[in-house]
Amino acid sequence: MTKAIRVENADTSDHKVMVQVWEKGRDLGNGSIEPDTMVEEHPLDNPTAMIEKTIWAERYLVIKEV
């Protein structure tokens, strides 16, 4: 199922936030799986900075402080 996700930097400190979009690795059919791949990266440097992305079973977000 596809979901629209909105992430906002709601913190007023000087710490920055990074949102990464990742896709799961494919099954190669021989018992091994490709590594997950980062397809996009978006900094949310300021309070109220926001991004909206779509996720599904093979796509996920990583949100981290940088």
PDB file of N, CA and C in Angstrom:
ATOM      1  N   MET A   1       0.836  -1.173   0.000  1.00  0.00           N
ATOM      2  CA  MET A   1       0.000   0.000   0.000  1.00  0.00           C
ATOM      3  C   MET A   1       0.885   1.242   0.000  1.00  0.00           C
ATOM      4  N   THR A   2       0.579   2.191  -0.828  1.00  0.00           N
ATOM      5  CA  THR A   2       1.330   3.432  -0.926  1.00  0.00           C
ATOM      6  C   THR A   2       0.809   4.442   0.084  1.00  0.00           C
ATOM      7  N   LYS A   3       1.747   5.129   0.766  1.00  0.00           N
ATOM      8  CA  LYS A   3       1.387   6.120   1.772  1.00  0.00           C
ATOM      9  C   LYS A   3       2.167   7.400   1.515  1.00  0.00           C
ATOM     10  N   ALA A   4       1.470   8.544   1.598  1.00  0.00           N
ATOM     11  CA  ALA A   4       2.124   9.855   1.544  1.00  0.00           C
ATOM     12  C   ALA A   4       2.521  10.232   2.965  1.00  0.00           C
ATOM     13  N   ILE A   5       3.790  10.584   3.147  1.00  0.00           N
ATOM     14  CA  ILE A   5       4.343  10.906   4.456  1.00  0.00           C
ATOM     15  C   ILE A   5       4.894  12.330   4.416  1.00  0.00           C
ATOM     16  N   ARG A   6       4.565  13.119   5.439  1.00  0.00           N
ATOM     17  CA  ARG A   6       5.085  14.479   5.555  1.00  0.00           C
ATOM     18  C   ARG A   6       5.982  14.540   6.791  1.00  0.00           C
ATOM     19  N   VAL A   7       7.205  15.073   6.616  1.00  0.00           N
ATOM     20  CA  VAL A   7       8.162  15.218   7.715  1.00  0.00           C
ATOM     21  C   VAL A   7       8.483  16.700   7.845  1.00  0.00           C
ATOM     22  N   GLU A   8       8.398  17.208   9.079  1.00  0.00           N
ATOM     23  CA  GLU A   8       8.694  18.618   9.337  1.00  0.00           C
ATOM     24  C   GLU A   8       9.756  18.722  10.419  1.00  0.00           C
ATOM     25  N   ASN A   9      10.697  19.640  10.242  1.00  0.00           N
ATOM     26  CA  ASN A   9      11.646  19.971  11.290  1.00  0.00           C
ATOM     27  C   ASN A   9      10.927  20.946  12.229  1.00  0.00           C
ATOM     28  N   ALA A  10      10.383  20.426  13.305  1.00  0.00           N
ATOM     29  CA  ALA A  10       9.597  21.241  14.228  1.00  0.00           C
ATOM     30  C   ALA A  10      10.425  21.719  15.420  1.00  0.00           C
ATOM     31  N   ASP A  11      11.735  21.543  15.370  1.00  0.00           N
ATOM     32  CA  ASP A  11      12.608  21.918  16.474  1.00  0.00           C
ATOM     33  C   ASP A  11      13.222  23.288  16.202  1.00  0.00           C
ATOM     34  N   THR A  12      13.357  24.123  17.220  1.00  0.00           N
ATOM     35  CA  THR A  12      13.914  25.465  17.031  1.00  0.00           C
ATOM     36  C   THR A  12      15.400  25.551  17.369  1.00  0.00           C
ATOM     37  N   SER A  13      16.049  24.408  17.623  1.00  0.00           N
ATOM     38  CA  SER A  13      17.490  24.427  17.931  1.00  0.00           C
ATOM     39  C   SER A  13      18.302  24.575  16.636  1.00  0.00           C
ATOM     40  N   ASP A  14      19.606  24.612  16.794  1.00  0.00           N
ATOM     41  CA  ASP A  14      20.511  24.732  15.636  1.00  0.00           C
ATOM     42  C   ASP A  14      20.788  23.389  14.968  1.00  0.00           C
ATOM     43  N   HIS A  15      20.281  22.294  15.531  1.00  0.00           N
ATOM     44  CA  HIS A  15      20.537  20.977  14.968  1.00  0.00           C
ATOM     45  C   HIS A  15      19.756  20.779  13.674  1.00  0.00           C
ATOM     46  N   LYS A  16      20.417  20.250  12.684  1.00  0.00           N
ATOM     47  CA  LYS A  16      19.818  20.028  11.364  1.00  0.00           C
ATOM     48  C   LYS A  16      19.255  18.612  11.265  1.00  0.00           C
ATOM     49  N   VAL A  17      18.313  18.420  10.356  1.00  0.00           N
ATOM     50  CA  VAL A  17      17.684  17.120  10.130  1.00  0.00           C
ATOM     51  C   VAL A  17      17.884  16.736   8.667  1.00  0.00           C
ATOM     52  N   MET A  18      18.147  15.443   8.423  1.00  0.00           N
ATOM     53  CA  MET A  18      18.292  14.925   7.069  1.00  0.00           C
ATOM     54  C   MET A  18      17.261  13.815   6.871  1.00  0.00           C
ATOM     55  N   VAL A  19      16.541  13.861   5.751  1.00  0.00           N
ATOM     56  CA  VAL A  19      15.588  12.807   5.405  1.00  0.00           C
ATOM     57  C   VAL A  19      16.147  12.084   4.188  1.00  0.00           C
ATOM     58  N   GLN A  20      16.321  10.772   4.332  1.00  0.00           N
ATOM     59  CA  GLN A  20      16.816   9.947   3.232  1.00  0.00           C
ATOM     60  C   GLN A  20      15.702   9.020   2.762  1.00  0.00           C
ATOM     61  N   VAL A  21      15.611   8.845   1.454  1.00  0.00           N
ATOM     62  CA  VAL A  21      14.658   7.913   0.855  1.00  0.00           C
ATOM     63  C   VAL A  21      15.449   6.699   0.385  1.00  0.00           C
ATOM     64  N   TRP A  22      15.072   5.513   0.870  1.00  0.00           N
ATOM     65  CA  TRP A  22      15.774   4.268   0.562  1.00  0.00           C
ATOM     66  C   TRP A  22      14.840   3.283  -0.117  1.00  0.00           C
ATOM     67  N   GLU A  23      15.413   2.458  -0.996  1.00  0.00           N
ATOM     68  CA  GLU A  23      14.677   1.350  -1.604  1.00  0.00           C
ATOM     69  C   GLU A  23      15.348   0.044  -1.204  1.00  0.00           C
ATOM     70  N   LYS A  24      14.522  -0.936  -0.856  1.00  0.00           N
ATOM     71  CA  LYS A  24      15.034  -2.246  -0.465  1.00  0.00           C
ATOM     72  C   LYS A  24      15.705  -2.926  -1.651  1.00  0.00           C
ATOM     73  N   GLY A  25      16.751  -3.697  -1.358  1.00  0.00           N
ATOM     74  CA  GLY A  25      17.461  -4.426  -2.400  1.00  0.00           C
ATOM     75  C   GLY A  25      16.624  -5.568  -2.952  1.00  0.00           C
ATOM     76  N   ARG A  26      16.866  -5.890  -4.231  1.00  0.00           N
ATOM     77  CA  ARG A  26      16.135  -6.983  -4.894  1.00  0.00           C
ATOM     78  C   ARG A  26      16.707  -8.335  -4.502  1.00  0.00           C
ATOM     79  N   ASP A  27      15.839  -9.323  -4.521  1.00  0.00           N
ATOM     80  CA  ASP A  27      16.258 -10.712  -4.341  1.00  0.00           C
ATOM     81  C   ASP A  27      16.873 -11.162  -5.662  1.00  0.00           C
ATOM     82  N   LEU A  28      18.112 -11.589  -5.628  1.00  0.00           N
ATOM     83  CA  LEU A  28      18.815 -11.987  -6.847  1.00  0.00           C
ATOM     84  C   LEU A  28      18.501 -13.420  -7.268  1.00  0.00           C
ATOM     85  N   GLY A  29      17.722 -14.120  -6.463  1.00  0.00           N
ATOM     86  CA  GLY A  29      17.288 -15.456  -6.843  1.00  0.00           C
ATOM     87  C   GLY A  29      18.260 -16.570  -6.530  1.00  0.00           C
ATOM     88  N   ASN A  30      19.442 -16.245  -6.093  1.00  0.00           N
ATOM     89  CA  ASN A  30      20.428 -17.276  -5.772  1.00  0.00           C
ATOM     90  C   ASN A  30      20.715 -17.309  -4.271  1.00  0.00           C
ATOM     91  N   GLY A  31      19.751 -16.839  -3.492  1.00  0.00           N
ATOM     92  CA  GLY A  31      19.911 -16.816  -2.042  1.00  0.00           C
ATOM     93  C   GLY A  31      20.522 -15.538  -1.515  1.00  0.00           C
ATOM     94  N   SER A  32      20.870 -14.620  -2.401  1.00  0.00           N
ATOM     95  CA  SER A  32      21.435 -13.346  -1.942  1.00  0.00           C
ATOM     96  C   SER A  32      20.502 -12.201  -2.336  1.00  0.00           C
ATOM     97  N   ILE A  33      20.653 -11.108  -1.623  1.00  0.00           N
ATOM     98  CA  ILE A  33      19.827  -9.912  -1.836  1.00  0.00           C
ATOM     99  C   ILE A  33      20.750  -8.722  -2.022  1.00  0.00           C
ATOM    100  N   GLU A  34      20.434  -7.873  -2.992  1.00  0.00           N
ATOM    101  CA  GLU A  34      21.197  -6.648  -3.175  1.00  0.00           C
ATOM    102  C   GLU A  34      21.077  -5.784  -1.926  1.00  0.00           C
ATOM    103  N   PRO A  35      22.080  -4.960  -1.643  1.00  0.00           N
ATOM    104  CA  PRO A  35      21.952  -4.025  -0.519  1.00  0.00           C
ATOM    105  C   PRO A  35      20.894  -2.967  -0.825  1.00  0.00           C
ATOM    106  N   ASP A  36      20.302  -2.411   0.225  1.00  0.00           N
ATOM    107  CA  ASP A  36      19.364  -1.311   0.052  1.00  0.00           C
ATOM    108  C   ASP A  36      20.099  -0.121  -0.552  1.00  0.00           C
ATOM    109  N   THR A  37      19.376   0.714  -1.307  1.00  0.00           N
ATOM    110  CA  THR A  37      19.974   1.829  -2.017  1.00  0.00           C
ATOM    111  C   THR A  37      19.300   3.137  -1.619  1.00  0.00           C
ATOM    112  N   MET A  38      20.118   4.145  -1.288  1.00  0.00           N
ATOM    113  CA  MET A  38      19.559   5.462  -1.023  1.00  0.00           C
ATOM    114  C   MET A  38      19.299   6.153  -2.361  1.00  0.00           C
ATOM    115  N   VAL A  39      18.060   6.623  -2.585  1.00  0.00           N
ATOM    116  CA  VAL A  39      17.712   7.227  -3.869  1.00  0.00           C
ATOM    117  C   VAL A  39      17.571   8.748  -3.799  1.00  0.00           C
ATOM    118  N   GLU A  40      17.342   9.290  -2.607  1.00  0.00           N
ATOM    119  CA  GLU A  40      17.233  10.738  -2.441  1.00  0.00           C
ATOM    120  C   GLU A  40      17.669  11.116  -1.037  1.00  0.00           C
ATOM    121  N   GLU A  41      18.111  12.372  -0.899  1.00  0.00           N
ATOM    122  CA  GLU A  41      18.463  12.902   0.413  1.00  0.00           C
ATOM    123  C   GLU A  41      18.021  14.360   0.458  1.00  0.00           C
ATOM    124  N   HIS A  42      17.337  14.744   1.532  1.00  0.00           N
ATOM    125  CA  HIS A  42      16.771  16.089   1.640  1.00  0.00           C
ATOM    126  C   HIS A  42      17.087  16.679   3.012  1.00  0.00           C
ATOM    127  N   PRO A  43      17.841  17.784   3.069  1.00  0.00           N
ATOM    128  CA  PRO A  43      18.098  18.432   4.349  1.00  0.00           C
ATOM    129  C   PRO A  43      16.893  19.270   4.768  1.00  0.00           C
ATOM    130  N   LEU A  44      16.580  19.209   6.042  1.00  0.00           N
ATOM    131  CA  LEU A  44      15.570  20.094   6.635  1.00  0.00           C
ATOM    132  C   LEU A  44      16.321  20.960   7.640  1.00  0.00           C
ATOM    133  N   ASP A  45      16.923  22.033   7.148  1.00  0.00           N
ATOM    134  CA  ASP A  45      17.857  22.828   7.939  1.00  0.00           C
ATOM    135  C   ASP A  45      17.193  23.802   8.907  1.00  0.00           C
ATOM    136  N   ASN A  46      15.987  24.224   8.623  1.00  0.00           N
ATOM    137  CA  ASN A  46      15.360  25.278   9.418  1.00  0.00           C
ATOM    138  C   ASN A  46      14.064  24.800  10.064  1.00  0.00           C
ATOM    139  N   PRO A  47      13.696  25.417  11.190  1.00  0.00           N
ATOM    140  CA  PRO A  47      12.380  25.108  11.754  1.00  0.00           C
ATOM    141  C   PRO A  47      11.294  25.368  10.717  1.00  0.00           C
ATOM    142  N   THR A  48      10.327  24.550  10.683  1.00  0.00           N
ATOM    143  CA  THR A  48       9.188  24.537   9.745  1.00  0.00           C
ATOM    144  C   THR A  48       9.554  24.032   8.347  1.00  0.00           C
ATOM    145  N   ALA A  49      10.827  23.700   8.097  1.00  0.00           N
ATOM    146  CA  ALA A  49      11.178  23.079   6.814  1.00  0.00           C
ATOM    147  C   ALA A  49      10.455  21.735   6.741  1.00  0.00           C
ATOM    148  N   MET A  50       9.892  21.432   5.570  1.00  0.00           N
ATOM    149  CA  MET A  50       9.050  20.248   5.453  1.00  0.00           C
ATOM    150  C   MET A  50       9.281  19.578   4.106  1.00  0.00           C
ATOM    151  N   ILE A  51       9.053  18.269   4.090  1.00  0.00           N
ATOM    152  CA  ILE A  51       9.117  17.503   2.849  1.00  0.00           C
ATOM    153  C   ILE A  51       7.990  16.484   2.867  1.00  0.00           C
ATOM    154  N   GLU A  52       7.442  16.204   1.697  1.00  0.00           N
ATOM    155  CA  GLU A  52       6.421  15.166   1.573  1.00  0.00           C
ATOM    156  C   GLU A  52       6.911  14.141   0.566  1.00  0.00           C
ATOM    157  N   LYS A  53       6.919  12.877   0.985  1.00  0.00           N
ATOM    158  CA  LYS A  53       7.391  11.780   0.145  1.00  0.00           C
ATOM    159  C   LYS A  53       6.391  10.638   0.196  1.00  0.00           C
ATOM    160  N   THR A  54       6.487   9.758  -0.789  1.00  0.00           N
ATOM    161  CA  THR A  54       5.624   8.587  -0.851  1.00  0.00           C
ATOM    162  C   THR A  54       6.456   7.348  -0.532  1.00  0.00           C
ATOM    163  N   ILE A  55       5.897   6.478   0.320  1.00  0.00           N
ATOM    164  CA  ILE A  55       6.561   5.226   0.647  1.00  0.00           C
ATOM    165  C   ILE A  55       5.642   4.067   0.287  1.00  0.00           C
ATOM    166  N   TRP A  56       6.210   2.891   0.160  1.00  0.00           N
ATOM    167  CA  TRP A  56       5.465   1.654  -0.068  1.00  0.00           C
ATOM    168  C   TRP A  56       6.319   0.508   0.441  1.00  0.00           C
ATOM    169  N   ALA A  57       5.936  -0.717   0.179  1.00  0.00           N
ATOM    170  CA  ALA A  57       6.609  -1.885   0.763  1.00  0.00           C
ATOM    171  C   ALA A  57       8.108  -1.920   0.464  1.00  0.00           C
ATOM    172  N   GLU A  58       8.542  -1.440  -0.684  1.00  0.00           N
ATOM    173  CA  GLU A  58       9.956  -1.488  -1.055  1.00  0.00           C
ATOM    174  C   GLU A  58      10.671  -0.167  -0.851  1.00  0.00           C
ATOM    175  N   ARG A  59       9.998   0.858  -0.335  1.00  0.00           N
ATOM    176  CA  ARG A  59      10.614   2.176  -0.144  1.00  0.00           C
ATOM    177  C   ARG A  59      10.351   2.651   1.274  1.00  0.00           C
ATOM    178  N   TYR A  60      11.381   3.203   1.909  1.00  0.00           N
ATOM    179  CA  TYR A  60      11.237   3.676   3.285  1.00  0.00           C
ATOM    180  C   TYR A  60      12.064   4.936   3.501  1.00  0.00           C
ATOM    181  N   LEU A  61      11.805   5.628   4.610  1.00  0.00           N
ATOM    182  CA  LEU A  61      12.509   6.857   4.961  1.00  0.00           C
ATOM    183  C   LEU A  61      13.408   6.614   6.158  1.00  0.00           C
ATOM    184  N   VAL A  62      14.552   7.290   6.155  1.00  0.00           N
ATOM    185  CA  VAL A  62      15.425   7.357   7.318  1.00  0.00           C
ATOM    186  C   VAL A  62      15.533   8.833   7.681  1.00  0.00           C
ATOM    187  N   ILE A  63      15.254   9.161   8.935  1.00  0.00           N
ATOM    188  CA  ILE A  63      15.313  10.545   9.398  1.00  0.00           C
ATOM    189  C   ILE A  63      16.382  10.603  10.476  1.00  0.00           C
ATOM    190  N   LYS A  64      17.344  11.508  10.273  1.00  0.00           N
ATOM    191  CA  LYS A  64      18.438  11.569  11.241  1.00  0.00           C
ATOM    192  C   LYS A  64      18.881  13.004  11.476  1.00  0.00           C
ATOM    193  N   GLU A  65      19.488  13.208  12.639  1.00  0.00           N
ATOM    194  CA  GLU A  65      20.075  14.499  12.969  1.00  0.00           C
ATOM    195  C   GLU A  65      21.474  14.528  12.403  1.00  0.00           C
ATOM    196  N   VAL A  66      21.844  15.664  11.806  1.00  0.00           N
ATOM    197  CA  VAL A  66      23.193  15.810  11.235  1.00  0.00           C
ATOM    198  C   VAL A  66      23.903  17.006  11.822  1.00  0.00           C
TER     199      VAL A  66
END
